[in-house]
Protein backbone atom coordinates (compact mmCIF):
# COMPACT_ATOMS: atom_id res chain seq x y z
CA MET A 1 16.34 -27.15 -1.52
CA PRO A 2 17.58 -25.54 -4.78
CA HIS A 3 15.99 -22.32 -5.96
CA PRO A 4 13.58 -22.71 -8.87
CA ARG A 5 15.05 -22.20 -12.31
CA TYR A 6 13.69 -19.12 -14.08
CA ILE A 7 13.00 -19.06 -17.82
CA THR A 8 12.70 -15.82 -19.78
CA ASP A 9 12.83 -17.25 -23.31
CA ILE A 10 9.60 -18.97 -24.30
CA ARG A 11 11.47 -21.00 -26.90
CA LYS A 12 12.92 -22.99 -23.99
CA ILE A 13 9.49 -24.21 -22.80
CA GLU A 14 9.81 -27.74 -24.12
CA ASN A 15 6.21 -28.68 -23.32
CA LEU A 16 5.00 -26.23 -25.97
CA PRO A 17 5.05 -27.39 -29.60
CA GLU A 18 7.86 -25.79 -31.60
CA GLU A 19 5.42 -24.04 -33.96
CA GLU A 20 3.56 -22.46 -31.02
CA ARG A 21 6.79 -21.32 -29.40
CA GLN A 22 7.81 -19.51 -32.56
CA LYS A 23 4.43 -17.77 -32.86
CA LEU A 24 4.50 -16.60 -29.25
CA THR A 25 7.90 -14.93 -29.60
CA ASP A 26 6.08 -11.99 -31.23
CA ILE A 27 4.38 -11.42 -27.88
CA THR A 28 7.42 -12.01 -25.68
CA ASP A 29 9.41 -9.61 -27.85
CA LYS A 30 6.92 -6.93 -26.84
CA PHE A 31 6.09 -7.96 -23.26
CA VAL A 32 8.43 -9.45 -20.71
CA PHE A 33 8.06 -13.20 -20.20
CA ARG A 34 9.20 -14.84 -16.97
CA VAL A 35 8.31 -18.17 -15.41
CA ASN A 36 9.98 -20.78 -13.21
CA ASP A 37 10.06 -24.56 -13.23
CA TYR A 38 8.09 -24.77 -9.96
CA TYR A 39 5.11 -22.90 -11.43
CA LEU A 40 5.39 -24.76 -14.73
CA SER A 41 5.06 -28.00 -12.77
CA LEU A 42 1.52 -26.97 -11.76
CA ILE A 43 0.36 -27.06 -15.39
CA ASP A 44 -1.43 -30.06 -16.88
CA TRP A 45 0.15 -29.95 -20.32
CA ASN A 46 -2.34 -32.49 -21.65
CA ASP A 47 -5.13 -29.97 -21.13
CA PRO A 48 -5.01 -27.11 -23.68
CA ASP A 49 -7.44 -25.17 -21.47
CA ASP A 50 -5.46 -25.65 -18.26
CA PRO A 51 -6.07 -22.52 -16.13
CA ILE A 52 -2.51 -22.29 -14.77
CA ARG A 53 -1.22 -22.43 -18.32
CA LYS A 54 -3.52 -19.56 -19.30
CA LEU A 55 -2.30 -17.50 -16.35
CA ILE A 56 1.32 -17.55 -17.44
CA ILE A 57 1.72 -18.67 -21.08
CA PRO A 58 1.14 -15.88 -23.65
CA ASP A 59 -1.69 -15.94 -26.16
CA GLU A 60 -1.77 -14.30 -29.58
CA ALA A 61 -4.85 -12.30 -28.50
CA GLU A 62 -2.53 -10.15 -26.38
CA LEU A 63 -1.42 -8.36 -29.54
CA ASP A 64 -4.92 -6.91 -29.90
CA GLU A 65 -4.48 -3.44 -28.44
CA TYR A 66 -8.18 -2.62 -28.16
CA GLY A 67 -8.55 -0.97 -24.77
CA LYS A 68 -6.32 1.27 -22.66
CA TRP A 69 -2.86 0.57 -21.31
CA ASP A 70 -3.74 2.47 -18.14
CA ALA A 71 -7.39 1.51 -17.66
CA SER A 72 -7.65 3.13 -14.22
CA ASP A 73 -5.81 6.33 -15.25
CA GLU A 74 -3.09 5.82 -12.67
CA TYR A 75 -1.09 8.61 -14.30
CA ARG A 76 -3.42 11.07 -12.53
CA ASN A 77 -2.35 9.81 -9.12
CA TYR A 78 1.39 10.54 -9.20
CA VAL A 79 2.58 13.05 -6.63
CA ALA A 80 6.29 12.16 -6.77
CA PRO A 81 8.39 9.80 -8.90
CA GLY A 82 7.14 6.27 -8.22
CA CYS A 83 4.57 7.47 -5.65
CA GLN A 84 0.79 7.60 -6.08
CA HIS A 85 -1.73 9.20 -3.71
CA LYS A 86 -5.31 8.65 -4.88
CA TYR A 87 -7.13 8.15 -1.57
CA GLY A 88 -6.61 10.22 1.57
CA THR A 89 -5.04 7.67 3.93
CA THR A 90 -3.22 5.46 1.41
CA ALA A 91 -0.11 5.97 -0.70
CA LEU A 92 1.49 3.60 -3.21
CA LEU A 93 5.21 3.24 -3.76
CA LEU A 94 6.07 1.51 -7.02
CA VAL A 95 9.34 0.04 -5.83
CA SER A 96 9.98 -2.64 -8.45
CA GLU A 97 9.71 -2.97 -12.21
CA VAL A 98 10.20 -6.73 -11.86
CA CYS A 99 7.62 -9.42 -11.14
CA GLY A 100 8.27 -12.97 -10.11
CA SER A 101 5.71 -13.89 -12.75
CA TYR A 102 4.22 -11.84 -15.53
CA CYS A 103 0.54 -12.81 -15.43
CA ARG A 104 -0.95 -12.42 -18.88
CA PHE A 105 -3.98 -10.47 -17.55
CA CYS A 106 -1.95 -7.96 -15.49
CA PHE A 107 -3.59 -4.52 -15.26
CA ARG A 108 -0.13 -2.91 -15.12
CA LYS A 109 1.05 -4.66 -18.24
CA ARG A 110 2.25 -1.31 -19.50
CA LEU A 111 5.05 -1.42 -16.91
CA PHE A 112 6.53 -4.48 -18.56
CA ARG A 113 7.06 -2.88 -21.93
CA ASN A 114 10.59 -1.78 -22.70
CA ASP A 115 9.47 1.81 -23.33
CA VAL A 116 7.72 2.42 -19.97
CA HIS A 117 9.42 3.24 -16.66
CA GLU A 118 6.98 4.26 -13.90
CA ALA A 119 8.53 2.45 -10.95
CA SER A 120 11.35 4.25 -9.18
CA LEU A 121 14.39 2.65 -7.58
CA ASN A 122 14.90 5.93 -5.73
CA ILE A 123 12.13 5.98 -3.15
CA SER A 124 13.35 9.15 -1.42
CA PRO A 125 10.92 11.58 -3.11
CA GLY A 126 7.98 9.29 -2.34
CA VAL A 127 9.03 8.72 1.26
CA GLU A 128 9.47 12.46 1.75
CA TYR A 129 5.99 13.08 0.34
CA ILE A 130 4.53 10.52 2.76
CA ARG A 131 6.45 12.06 5.65
CA ASN A 132 4.93 15.45 4.87
CA HIS A 133 1.35 14.11 4.70
CA PRO A 134 0.25 12.92 8.15
CA GLU A 135 -3.13 11.76 6.83
CA ILE A 136 -1.33 8.81 5.16
CA ASN A 137 -1.41 5.94 7.62
CA ASN A 138 -0.86 3.03 5.25
CA VAL A 139 1.55 2.50 2.37
CA LEU A 140 1.42 -0.15 -0.33
CA LEU A 141 4.71 -1.34 -1.81
CA THR A 142 3.97 -2.59 -5.29
CA GLY A 143 5.15 -2.34 -8.84
CA GLY A 144 6.08 -5.03 -10.10
CA ASP A 145 6.35 -7.32 -7.15
CA SER A 146 7.70 -5.91 -3.90
CA LEU A 147 8.98 -9.31 -2.70
CA MET A 148 11.18 -9.56 -5.80
CA LEU A 149 13.45 -6.98 -4.15
CA SER A 150 16.45 -8.26 -2.25
CA THR A 151 15.98 -8.70 1.47
CA GLY A 152 18.45 -5.86 2.07
CA LYS A 153 16.39 -3.47 -0.08
CA ILE A 154 13.16 -4.52 1.62
CA GLN A 155 14.76 -3.89 5.00
CA GLY A 156 15.95 -0.46 3.91
CA ILE A 157 12.46 0.55 2.72
CA LEU A 158 10.79 -0.74 5.88
CA GLU A 159 13.30 1.11 8.07
CA ARG A 160 12.55 4.40 6.35
CA LEU A 161 8.80 3.96 6.52
CA ARG A 162 8.89 2.93 10.19
CA GLU A 163 10.69 6.21 10.95
CA ILE A 164 7.45 8.00 10.01
CA PRO A 165 5.16 7.93 13.07
CA HIS A 166 1.88 8.22 11.18
CA VAL A 167 2.57 5.22 8.90
CA LYS A 168 0.94 2.26 10.65
CA ILE A 169 0.15 -0.32 7.96
CA ILE A 170 2.74 -1.33 5.38
CA ARG A 171 1.40 -3.55 2.61
CA LEU A 172 3.52 -5.70 0.30
CA GLY A 173 1.80 -6.56 -2.98
CA SER A 174 3.14 -9.90 -4.21
CA LYS A 175 2.48 -12.94 -6.39
CA LEU A 176 5.44 -14.82 -4.86
CA PRO A 177 3.44 -16.79 -2.25
CA SER A 178 1.87 -18.62 -5.19
CA PHE A 179 4.62 -18.33 -7.79
CA ASN A 180 7.82 -18.93 -5.81
CA PRO A 181 6.89 -19.74 -2.20
CA MET A 182 10.37 -21.13 -1.55
CA ARG A 183 11.81 -17.60 -1.77
CA ILE A 184 9.73 -16.83 1.33
CA TYR A 185 10.12 -19.81 3.64
CA GLU A 186 13.79 -20.47 2.79
CA ASP A 187 14.88 -16.87 3.46
CA GLU A 188 15.23 -16.65 7.23
CA GLU A 189 16.66 -13.14 6.92
CA LEU A 190 13.55 -11.98 5.07
CA LEU A 191 11.24 -13.53 7.67
CA GLN A 192 13.24 -11.97 10.51
CA THR A 193 13.14 -8.59 8.77
CA LEU A 194 9.36 -8.76 8.39
CA SER A 195 9.02 -9.87 12.01
CA ASN A 196 11.13 -6.92 13.19
CA PHE A 197 8.91 -4.39 11.44
CA SER A 198 5.47 -5.99 11.91
CA ARG A 199 4.51 -4.63 15.30
CA PRO A 200 1.40 -5.39 17.38
CA ASP A 201 0.18 -1.84 16.79
CA ALA A 202 1.44 -1.46 13.22
CA ARG A 203 1.26 -4.61 11.15
CA ILE A 204 2.80 -5.57 7.84
CA TYR A 205 0.32 -7.05 5.38
CA VAL A 206 1.06 -9.20 2.34
CA MET A 207 -1.50 -8.66 -0.41
CA ALA A 208 -1.28 -12.10 -2.02
CA HIS A 209 -2.44 -12.92 -5.55
CA PHE A 210 -3.78 -16.47 -5.58
CA ASN A 211 -5.92 -16.67 -8.71
CA HIS A 212 -6.79 -20.37 -8.67
CA PRO A 213 -7.07 -22.96 -5.87
CA ARG A 214 -4.44 -25.18 -7.51
CA GLU A 215 -1.86 -22.53 -6.64
CA LEU A 216 -2.40 -23.28 -2.93
CA THR A 217 0.08 -26.15 -2.88
CA GLY A 218 1.87 -27.57 0.15
CA LYS A 219 4.78 -25.24 -0.59
CA ALA A 220 2.46 -22.24 -0.83
CA LEU A 221 0.86 -23.15 2.49
CA ARG A 222 4.32 -23.44 4.02
CA ALA A 223 5.13 -19.90 2.82
CA ILE A 224 1.83 -18.61 4.22
CA ASN A 225 2.55 -20.24 7.58
CA ALA A 226 6.07 -18.78 7.69
CA LEU A 227 4.74 -15.28 7.05
CA GLN A 228 2.06 -15.69 9.70
CA LYS A 229 4.65 -16.84 12.24
CA ALA A 230 6.62 -13.68 11.41
CA GLY A 231 3.60 -11.59 12.44
CA VAL A 232 2.49 -10.76 8.91
CA ILE A 233 -1.23 -10.57 8.03
CA LEU A 234 -2.19 -12.09 4.67
CA VAL A 235 -5.15 -11.17 2.50
CA ASN A 236 -5.88 -12.24 -1.06
CA GLN A 237 -7.16 -10.45 -4.13
CA THR A 238 -7.80 -11.70 -7.63
CA PRO A 239 -9.78 -10.67 -10.67
CA VAL A 240 -12.49 -13.03 -11.86
CA LEU A 241 -10.97 -14.29 -15.10
CA LYS A 242 -12.72 -15.92 -18.03
CA GLY A 243 -11.33 -19.39 -18.64
CA ILE A 244 -9.30 -19.43 -15.43
CA ASN A 245 -11.46 -19.07 -12.31
CA ASP A 246 -14.93 -18.22 -13.64
CA ASP A 247 -16.45 -21.52 -12.50
CA PRO A 248 -18.40 -20.96 -9.23
CA GLU A 249 -17.07 -24.23 -7.80
CA VAL A 250 -13.50 -23.14 -8.54
CA LEU A 251 -14.07 -19.75 -6.91
CA ALA A 252 -15.70 -21.44 -3.90
CA LYS A 253 -12.75 -23.81 -3.54
CA LEU A 254 -10.39 -20.82 -3.67
CA LEU A 255 -12.38 -19.05 -0.93
CA ASP A 256 -12.39 -22.22 1.17
CA LYS A 257 -8.68 -22.97 0.85
CA LEU A 258 -7.74 -19.37 1.63
CA SER A 259 -9.98 -19.30 4.70
CA TRP A 260 -8.67 -22.65 5.93
CA ALA A 261 -5.12 -21.27 5.67
CA GLY A 262 -6.03 -18.11 7.59
CA VAL A 263 -5.77 -15.84 4.54
CA THR A 264 -8.60 -13.31 4.33
CA PRO A 265 -10.44 -13.31 0.97
CA TYR A 266 -10.28 -9.57 0.35
CA TYR A 267 -11.30 -8.61 -3.20
CA PHE A 268 -12.69 -10.21 -6.33
CA PHE A 269 -11.91 -7.64 -9.02
CA GLN A 270 -13.77 -6.88 -12.20
CA ASN A 271 -10.96 -7.30 -14.71
CA ARG A 272 -9.92 -3.97 -16.16
CA PRO A 273 -10.23 -3.30 -19.91
CA VAL A 274 -6.48 -3.23 -20.47
CA ALA A 275 -5.23 -3.56 -24.04
CA GLY A 276 -4.78 -7.22 -24.95
CA ASN A 277 -6.94 -8.54 -22.06
CA ALA A 278 -10.26 -9.06 -23.85
CA ASN A 279 -10.00 -12.86 -23.58
CA PHE A 280 -10.12 -12.67 -19.77
CA ILE A 281 -13.04 -10.25 -19.30
CA LEU A 282 -16.52 -11.22 -18.11
CA SER A 283 -19.57 -8.97 -18.16
CA PHE A 284 -20.80 -7.61 -14.83
CA ARG A 285 -23.80 -9.92 -14.96
CA GLU A 286 -21.69 -13.02 -15.64
CA ALA A 287 -19.18 -12.24 -12.92
CA TYR A 288 -21.79 -11.31 -10.33
CA GLU A 289 -23.79 -14.49 -10.84
CA LYS A 290 -20.68 -16.67 -10.61
CA ILE A 291 -19.43 -14.88 -7.48
CA GLU A 292 -22.77 -15.15 -5.70
CA LYS A 293 -23.03 -18.85 -6.56
CA ALA A 294 -19.51 -19.37 -5.23
CA LYS A 295 -20.34 -17.51 -2.00
CA SER A 296 -23.36 -19.76 -1.51
CA LEU A 297 -20.98 -22.74 -1.49
CA THR A 298 -18.58 -21.42 1.15
CA SER A 299 -18.67 -20.41 4.80
CA GLY A 300 -19.17 -16.98 6.31
CA LEU A 301 -15.41 -16.56 6.40
CA GLY A 302 -15.25 -17.02 2.63
CA LYS A 303 -18.15 -14.63 2.16
CA ARG A 304 -16.03 -11.74 3.45
CA VAL A 305 -14.78 -11.13 -0.09
CA ARG A 306 -15.99 -7.95 -1.85
CA TYR A 307 -16.64 -7.69 -5.59
CA VAL A 308 -15.14 -4.39 -6.78
CA MET A 309 -13.63 -2.54 -9.71
CA SER A 310 -10.75 -0.10 -9.48
CA HIS A 311 -12.00 2.75 -11.64
CA SER A 312 -10.34 6.10 -12.24
CA SER A 313 -12.99 7.71 -10.01
CA GLY A 314 -12.50 5.25 -7.15
CA LYS A 315 -12.91 1.70 -5.94
CA ILE A 316 -16.52 0.83 -6.75
CA GLU A 317 -18.21 -2.10 -5.04
CA ILE A 318 -20.67 -4.09 -7.16
CA LEU A 319 -23.47 -4.91 -4.72
CA ALA A 320 -25.96 -6.58 -7.06
CA VAL A 321 -26.98 -7.01 -10.69
CA ASP A 322 -30.57 -7.79 -11.72
CA ASP A 323 -32.30 -8.08 -15.09
CA LYS A 324 -32.05 -4.35 -15.82
CA HIS A 325 -29.84 -2.61 -13.28
CA ILE A 326 -26.54 -2.71 -11.47
CA TYR A 327 -26.31 -1.52 -7.85
CA LEU A 328 -23.05 0.16 -6.88
CA LYS A 329 -21.36 1.91 -3.98
CA TYR A 330 -18.10 3.87 -3.75
CA HIS A 331 -15.91 1.84 -1.42
CA GLN A 332 -13.22 4.49 -2.01
CA ALA A 333 -13.53 7.67 -4.03
CA ARG A 334 -11.15 10.16 -5.59
CA ASN A 335 -13.61 12.89 -4.62
CA PRO A 336 -14.07 12.41 -0.84
CA GLU A 337 -17.65 13.67 -1.02
CA TYR A 338 -18.59 10.41 -2.78
CA TYR A 339 -17.27 7.97 -0.17
CA GLY A 340 -20.07 5.48 0.49
CA HIS A 341 -22.25 6.93 -2.27
CA PHE A 342 -24.86 4.36 -3.38
CA PHE A 343 -26.44 4.43 -6.82
CA LYS A 344 -27.99 2.24 -9.48
CA LEU A 345 -27.58 2.40 -13.24
CA GLU A 346 -28.94 0.54 -16.22
CA CYS A 347 -26.81 -2.50 -17.01
CA PRO A 348 -26.63 -3.62 -20.65
CA GLU A 349 -26.10 -7.35 -21.08
CA ASP A 350 -22.50 -6.97 -22.25
CA ALA A 351 -21.42 -4.14 -19.90
CA ALA A 352 -18.08 -4.99 -18.32
CA TRP A 353 -16.71 -1.64 -17.05
CA PHE A 354 -18.14 1.44 -15.39
CA ASP A 355 -17.82 3.50 -18.56
CA ASP A 356 -20.07 0.97 -20.37
CA LEU A 357 -23.03 1.88 -18.14
CA PRO A 358 -25.61 4.45 -19.35
CA GLY A 359 -25.49 7.46 -17.05
CA ALA A 360 -21.97 6.80 -15.78
CA GLY A 361 -20.57 9.83 -17.61
CA GLU A 362 -23.02 12.20 -15.92
CA LEU A 363 -22.08 10.85 -12.52
CA LEU A 364 -18.38 11.33 -13.26
CA ASP A 365 -19.00 14.90 -14.39
CA LYS A 366 -20.71 15.66 -11.08
CA GLN A 367 -17.74 14.31 -9.15
CA ASP A 368 -15.11 16.28 -11.02
CA VAL A 369 -12.97 13.15 -11.10
CA HIS A 370 -10.08 15.01 -12.66
CA MET A 371 -9.44 16.60 -9.26
CA MET A 372 -5.98 15.54 -8.02
CA PRO A 373 -5.59 14.43 -4.39
């Protein structure tokens, strides 16, 4: 089977009207654009509101820079070039500046500007930091998309991490199972490499990014199956996105199809207030109601998903939203004293991020969230 053809010039997307293509070049001149003919084939071009189209085709609203480029203040977490350490047991290695797809809602959109270089092709400083910190027992390879690296580079990274006794879990953050599943199931060397390093006592996880149930095609399921046969554990995480997956029946179908395929529904994220992402953001109340309705339509396996936001102060789980309040708990916290901390705050109708909530600032001051790990 031939590899999918990649397109990086939006003017070559023949399904888009010529006038629209010309308008969108202003966006693709600023942000990287990359798509392939397999993923384009999932789009219903007769539907202007097609969710797959919205995931990958730019929109003029992206030029609105209201918001922050680094909405979770990741700059505070760097301990070595390309290495972040925000929570005690987990480190991130940003190993790739390249994604298979450049999703228009991406919270790391800043990485795909020509003037930003946070990922590091030299992982040695990060690996050395991890080696010297025995509390780190799991490492996330991200970026970018870790499975966009060549199989040889992936093997080299895995070899170095497996030399560190205290590193048990290695996670690969990737959109490729949905965007280019053929890269996975056609690469026997990749599958063998993953099998070699995914041990019974120290598994490799793929953190998949299926945002819509239509992405779970026969080819995607074949890639999932190939990874599972290689001893890899798959979980899925996606933000709840206005106009893409914010229909409870769509979310329920996503939870069902993931569970049927043996992929754990891991996180539904509150979309971060990244510059240019306003079109995708739902309020807490809207997202919570849609998620709970979706969970009512799926099995207990689908209900495993957690609704969270990745804030500068930690990963905050949204437990409930009522007429006046939001009920929250720190699932992870920058300040270890706040792990598991439960609290409620007033929730204005349009609140969509922790900083929008009255009283949030006082709570952050108490935590001293500027404390580095």
